[in-house]
Amino acid sequence: MLWVVETAVFISFSREHDTGYVSRLAAHLAAAGIASRYDSHPMDENWWETYTRAQIDSCSAVVAVMSPQAQGSGWVTRELDYARSLGKPIFPIDPEVSPGRDLIEQLRPKAERAGDGPLVPLHGGKTAGAVCIETRGGVFTPLIDRGSAVPAQRTETFTTADDNQPSIKIRVLASNGEPLGDYELLLRPAPRGVPMIHVTFRVEATGAFRLLAKDESGAAVTMSRV
């Protein structure tokens, strides 16, 4: 049985040569109970505005078919940058390697969560507990208070403590200690205290938790869940 359409994963690819591979990948996912969608129309600006953007908006995750040729594709770059700006999980896959159990096991939790991340308990349209981050010494700092009407969000600015620090790690938890995710924000080399990363912690009306990160220029910061 397939997941409902709102939880489908989106398969991003740029080479017509990979169409057959993508079709087989979609069938492989369907056999495992995970619905997927992909562009079957030649990409142009109108197709991006009327179809592709909407697919990324509603998908649970993006599977990026990353052949060496695709890695330099402007279309793929735009799709992945847009997906990152929405906090969508991205799973690169080498078309020379057959899709296997590892990909299925990584994608299944994303489909089950309707695409937006782990769920925060709600009660009467409000958060049943606080959303916190864990700071040094194991101290929990609330960011979204218990009883906040959803959707709710808060933005905090983070910087680095060391020169050329490669990343910023953020652990997000519910107030009962249940983890909502460990996130790693990847940074360009810079002196300590220079990067200003604006991180938005958001709980959707469905209770789904999302984390978005941008630098001072407004560009999405590459991040991964660890």
Protein backbone atom coordinates (compact mmCIF):
# COMPACT_ATOMS: atom_id res chain seq x y z
CA MET A 1 0.00 0.00 0.00
CA LEU A 2 1.37 3.44 -0.95
CA TRP A 3 1.60 6.37 1.42
CA VAL A 4 -0.86 9.20 0.73
CA VAL A 5 0.17 11.65 -1.96
CA GLU A 6 1.23 14.39 0.49
CA THR A 7 4.02 12.13 1.74
CA ALA A 8 5.51 11.21 -1.63
CA VAL A 9 9.22 11.73 -2.16
CA PHE A 10 10.40 13.81 -5.11
CA ILE A 11 13.12 12.37 -7.37
CA SER A 12 15.37 15.08 -8.83
CA PHE A 13 17.46 14.33 -11.93
CA SER A 14 18.76 16.38 -14.84
CA ARG A 15 19.92 13.99 -17.57
CA GLU A 16 17.45 12.50 -20.04
CA HIS A 17 19.82 9.51 -20.10
CA ASP A 18 18.81 8.77 -16.48
CA THR A 19 15.05 8.61 -17.18
CA GLY A 20 15.03 4.81 -17.32
CA TYR A 21 16.97 4.60 -14.05
CA VAL A 22 14.57 7.02 -12.35
CA SER A 23 11.57 5.02 -13.56
CA ARG A 24 13.08 1.82 -12.10
CA LEU A 25 13.91 3.64 -8.86
CA ALA A 26 10.30 4.87 -8.55
CA ALA A 27 9.06 1.30 -9.08
CA HIS A 28 11.51 0.05 -6.45
CA LEU A 29 10.23 2.59 -3.94
CA ALA A 30 6.60 1.77 -4.78
CA ALA A 31 7.25 -1.91 -4.14
CA ALA A 32 8.41 -0.93 -0.65
CA GLY A 33 5.27 1.15 -0.06
CA ILE A 34 6.79 4.59 -0.65
CA ALA A 35 5.15 6.83 -3.25
CA SER A 36 7.35 9.05 -5.41
CA ARG A 37 7.06 11.67 -8.14
CA TYR A 38 9.50 13.04 -10.70
CA ASP A 39 9.58 15.38 -13.69
CA SER A 40 8.68 13.54 -16.86
CA HIS A 41 8.53 16.77 -18.88
CA PRO A 42 11.58 18.58 -20.32
CA MET A 43 12.54 21.24 -17.78
CA ASP A 44 12.00 24.91 -18.59
CA GLU A 45 11.19 28.01 -16.56
CA ASN A 46 7.44 27.53 -16.93
CA TRP A 47 7.68 23.90 -15.79
CA TRP A 48 9.68 24.98 -12.73
CA GLU A 49 7.04 27.54 -11.74
CA THR A 50 3.98 25.37 -12.45
CA TYR A 51 5.14 21.89 -11.40
CA THR A 52 8.59 21.34 -9.90
CA ARG A 53 8.39 23.98 -7.19
CA ALA A 54 4.99 22.63 -6.10
CA GLN A 55 6.33 19.06 -5.96
CA ILE A 56 9.20 20.10 -3.68
CA ASP A 57 6.80 22.13 -1.52
CA SER A 58 4.67 19.07 -0.81
CA CYS A 59 7.21 16.25 -0.83
CA SER A 60 8.45 14.42 2.25
CA ALA A 61 12.05 14.26 0.97
CA VAL A 62 14.14 14.75 -2.18
CA VAL A 63 16.11 11.89 -3.73
CA ALA A 64 18.82 13.48 -5.90
CA VAL A 65 20.15 11.32 -8.73
CA MET A 66 23.72 12.60 -8.68
CA SER A 67 25.67 11.32 -11.64
CA PRO A 68 28.96 13.20 -12.22
CA GLN A 69 27.25 15.15 -15.00
CA ALA A 70 24.32 16.11 -12.76
CA GLN A 71 26.58 17.55 -10.07
CA GLY A 72 27.30 20.56 -12.27
CA SER A 73 23.71 21.03 -13.40
CA GLY A 74 22.12 24.40 -12.69
CA TRP A 75 18.68 22.75 -12.59
CA VAL A 76 19.74 20.29 -9.89
CA THR A 77 21.46 23.05 -7.91
CA ARG A 78 18.32 25.18 -7.94
CA GLU A 79 16.08 22.29 -6.92
CA LEU A 80 18.35 21.27 -4.04
CA ASP A 81 18.88 24.85 -2.85
CA TYR A 82 15.11 25.33 -2.80
CA ALA A 83 14.58 22.05 -0.95
CA ARG A 84 17.19 23.06 1.66
CA SER A 85 15.46 26.41 2.15
CA LEU A 86 12.30 24.48 3.11
CA GLY A 87 14.19 22.13 5.39
CA LYS A 88 13.42 19.10 3.22
CA PRO A 89 15.66 16.04 3.77
CA ILE A 90 17.88 15.33 0.74
CA PHE A 91 19.19 11.87 -0.19
CA PRO A 92 21.82 11.80 -2.97
CA ILE A 93 22.04 8.51 -4.87
CA ASP A 94 24.55 7.31 -7.44
CA PRO A 95 22.79 5.98 -10.56
CA GLU A 96 25.61 3.48 -10.99
CA VAL A 97 24.47 1.79 -7.75
CA SER A 98 21.16 -0.07 -7.67
CA PRO A 99 18.70 1.33 -5.10
CA GLY A 100 18.76 -0.90 -2.05
CA ARG A 101 17.50 -1.41 1.45
CA ASP A 102 19.54 1.46 2.92
CA LEU A 103 17.68 4.04 0.86
CA ILE A 104 14.32 2.48 1.69
CA GLU A 105 15.09 2.47 5.42
CA GLN A 106 16.19 6.12 5.30
CA LEU A 107 13.12 7.25 3.39
CA ARG A 108 10.41 5.33 5.20
CA PRO A 109 10.45 7.45 8.40
CA LYS A 110 10.23 10.60 6.27
CA ALA A 111 7.14 9.29 4.50
CA GLU A 112 5.55 8.26 7.77
CA ARG A 113 5.96 11.78 9.16
CA ALA A 114 4.19 13.49 6.25
CA GLY A 115 7.30 15.18 5.04
CA ASP A 116 7.97 17.89 7.57
CA GLY A 117 10.00 16.18 10.27
CA PRO A 118 9.31 14.74 13.73
CA LEU A 119 6.03 15.48 15.44
CA VAL A 120 5.56 17.76 18.45
CA PRO A 121 2.59 16.75 20.66
CA LEU A 122 -0.34 19.16 20.39
CA HIS A 123 -3.39 19.75 22.57
CA GLY A 124 -6.26 21.87 21.33
CA GLY A 125 -4.19 23.50 18.58
CA LYS A 126 -1.38 24.39 20.98
CA THR A 127 1.94 22.79 21.85
CA ALA A 128 1.54 20.30 24.70
CA GLY A 129 5.15 20.90 25.74
CA ALA A 130 8.02 23.25 25.00
CA VAL A 131 10.54 22.90 22.16
CA CYS A 132 14.05 23.29 23.55
CA ILE A 133 17.69 23.19 22.52
CA GLU A 134 20.39 21.55 24.57
CA THR A 135 23.25 23.89 25.38
CA ARG A 136 26.59 23.23 27.06
CA GLY A 137 26.38 21.30 30.31
CA GLY A 138 23.15 19.55 29.34
CA VAL A 139 21.00 22.63 30.02
CA PHE A 140 17.67 22.83 28.14
CA THR A 141 16.73 26.28 26.86
CA PRO A 142 13.06 26.65 25.75
CA LEU A 143 12.57 28.26 22.33
CA ILE A 144 8.88 27.63 21.71
CA ASP A 145 6.90 27.67 24.95
CA ARG A 146 4.35 25.13 26.05
CA GLY A 147 0.87 26.28 25.12
CA SER A 148 1.98 28.19 22.01
CA ALA A 149 -0.68 28.33 19.29
CA VAL A 150 0.47 26.58 16.12
CA PRO A 151 1.92 27.31 13.67
CA ALA A 152 4.58 28.78 15.93
CA GLN A 153 8.20 29.67 15.31
CA ARG A 154 11.22 31.42 16.75
CA THR A 155 14.46 32.50 15.10
CA GLU A 156 17.80 32.54 16.89
CA THR A 157 21.23 33.63 15.61
CA PHE A 158 24.24 31.35 16.07
CA THR A 159 27.94 31.94 15.45
CA THR A 160 31.22 30.07 15.91
CA ALA A 161 33.59 29.74 18.88
CA ASP A 162 36.66 28.70 16.86
CA ASP A 163 38.45 29.95 13.77
CA ASN A 164 37.48 28.03 10.63
CA GLN A 165 34.93 26.01 12.54
CA PRO A 166 33.45 23.64 9.93
CA SER A 167 29.95 23.36 11.35
CA ILE A 168 27.49 24.26 14.08
CA LYS A 169 25.67 21.41 15.79
CA ILE A 170 22.23 21.92 17.30
CA ARG A 171 20.29 19.39 19.37
CA VAL A 172 16.53 19.99 19.54
CA LEU A 173 14.31 18.27 22.10
CA ALA A 174 10.81 18.38 23.47
CA SER A 175 10.52 19.44 27.12
CA ASN A 176 9.98 15.79 28.10
CA GLY A 177 13.44 15.00 26.77
CA GLU A 178 12.25 13.32 23.56
CA PRO A 179 14.71 14.18 20.76
CA LEU A 180 13.38 16.12 17.78
CA GLY A 181 16.67 15.95 15.91
CA ASP A 182 20.41 16.58 15.95
CA TYR A 183 21.29 19.00 13.17
CA GLU A 184 24.65 19.96 11.70
CA LEU A 185 24.93 23.26 9.82
CA LEU A 186 27.87 23.24 7.39
CA LEU A 187 29.93 26.44 7.26
CA ARG A 188 32.54 28.05 5.04
CA PRO A 189 35.91 28.76 6.72
CA ALA A 190 35.83 32.06 8.62
CA PRO A 191 37.28 33.65 11.78
CA ARG A 192 35.41 32.84 14.96
CA GLY A 193 32.37 34.98 15.62
CA VAL A 194 32.06 36.06 11.98
CA PRO A 195 29.40 33.64 10.64
CA MET A 196 25.92 34.78 11.58
CA ILE A 197 23.53 31.88 11.03
CA HIS A 198 19.84 32.61 11.53
CA VAL A 199 18.06 29.41 12.55
CA THR A 200 14.27 29.19 12.59
CA PHE A 201 12.61 26.58 14.78
CA ARG A 202 9.03 26.02 13.57
CA VAL A 203 6.09 23.86 14.60
CA GLU A 204 3.48 23.51 11.85
CA ALA A 205 -0.28 23.34 12.43
CA THR A 206 0.02 19.55 12.01
CA GLY A 207 2.57 19.37 14.84
CA ALA A 208 5.43 18.67 12.41
CA PHE A 209 8.74 20.22 13.48
CA ARG A 210 10.98 21.95 10.94
CA LEU A 211 14.34 23.65 11.24
CA LEU A 212 15.51 26.19 8.64
CA ALA A 213 18.87 27.97 8.52
CA LYS A 214 20.07 30.98 6.51
CA ASP A 215 23.22 33.10 6.54
CA GLU A 216 23.32 36.91 6.69
CA SER A 217 22.79 37.17 2.93
CA GLY A 218 19.59 35.16 3.17
CA ALA A 219 21.08 32.12 1.44
CA ALA A 220 20.06 28.70 2.75
CA VAL A 221 22.73 26.99 4.85
CA THR A 222 23.46 23.36 3.98
CA MET A 223 22.47 21.14 6.84
CA SER A 224 22.00 17.50 7.66
CA ARG A 225 20.45 15.48 10.44
CA VAL A 226 22.99 13.42 12.34
